[in-house]
Amino acid sequence: MVPSGSLQQSDQVTLVQSMPNDLMLGNMLALPCGAILKNRLAKSAMSDSLGDGCGNPTESQIRLYERWAEGGVALSIIGEVQVDSRFPEKPGNLALSHQSDHRALQSLASRSRLDGMQLWLQLSHAGALSHPEISCPKGPSALDVGHVQCQAMSLDDIRCLPKLFAEAAALAKTLGFDGVQIHAAHGFLLSQFLSPLFNRRTDHYGGSSGARSRLLVEVLASVRDAVGPVFPIGVKINASDQLEGGLTPEDALEVIVRLNDVSVDLIDISGGTYFPGAKAVSDRSGNGPYFLDFARSARRRTQTPLMLTGGFKTRAHATKALTSGAIDVVGLARALALDPALARAWLHGRDVDPGFPRFASTSPGDVTAWYTMRLTALANDQEHAFALSPASALEVYERRDSCRNKQWRQTFADAQSTT
């Protein structure tokens, strides 16, 4: 085994254990910073919406991450942890700052890190997609598209962002988390800057692909300065926005190349956006992981470890993608909402694949709400009694958020007054 901290940033992906192809899921992986992932299965970031409405973790949220640790994944990433309480995705998010409940966060970090699992925080800023009931959304450019309206950020707003992310990352390290992932996908702020559809700026943060990626590079550089050389930093980016005029695979590959100039330990490839009119990634035709072809192209442009999230529904899919050499880590999301112990089964060579539900008809947001409420059931060890339809799940989900909107506004009243 390579001891943590012994590798230099210039080192490439290193396999520290060899197994036959069929058992490659169990190979350990040394990240460039020296941290070790015990296998190749990760719980990708999802918005579990289990915060207390004041930006802090709950006992239910801690239990959820304990269950995934017990289930055998090497890495679990807590989604949508906000670096600025003025711009949250939802009132169930965590918000990381010096006014957070540090004791509760330390409990989340320690109790959820079982059997060698690493627990990372996905640091985010919702930008134009900030929840309007508790925010005055801002993005790279002013927008009025469907239910999304936002103001344009000033240059001063933008210049504050690298420090916000860096301070949050440093706090995550102090509180005992094992790493951070910078969220630059799915239509949230850093993703908005990368997209020519949403970034129409004419200063040096807009225009060319290089200019649009400037903020992401600055954020990553500031985060590395704040946490030092041996603390893992990941980044999540879109292979495509799935929107006409948005980020294309060609644009995204240029971003991959630019990431070679900063210190990143794991690039998580995903796709799609929550903006109006975007196709759901899960509606893509074909069987198997989404964006695997993009990952193959990315592999030719970087030696940074690659994680791919989305579309892994069988152990065969995961094994084939890893043995192809296109990726280094399999990111699982909804599969682990259906079966939190799936990783352990796959690692023991069992082709136990989750039964993904088929819904006769759905409305926008229904299916996402169904999976979110499924996470709530897991967090309370009540998944066997979970029987909500997508429509009823959305109703319960929205009712819960409505109650927490008031809590968020009261907790962060001073911050909101400066928006």
Foldseek 3Di string as FASTA:
>chain_A
DQAFQPAALPDFKDFPDDDPLLQQQQTWIQFRLRDIQRGFAEADEDALLQAPLLQFHDLLVLLLLLLLVVLPGREYEHPFAELALQAGLFSSHHHFDPVYPLVRLLSSQPSNCPPNHAYAYEYFGQAQNGDVLRHQHEACDADDADVTGHHHDDPVRLVCVLVSLQNRQLSCVVSRHQAYEYELAARGHLVLLQWLVNHPDPPQSDDDNVSSNVSVQSNQQSNCVNNDRRRAYEYEYECEQQDVRTQHNVSVLVSLLVCVVGRHGEYEYDYHHPGPPHDDPVPDDDAAAPCLVSLQVSVVRDSRAYEYEGRHFWLVRVSVSVVVVSHRHYHYYLQCLQPSNVSVCSSVVHGDTGDDDDDPDDDPPLVSLLSSVSSSCSSVVNNVVDDDGSVVSVVVVVVVSVVSSVVSCVSCVVSNVVD
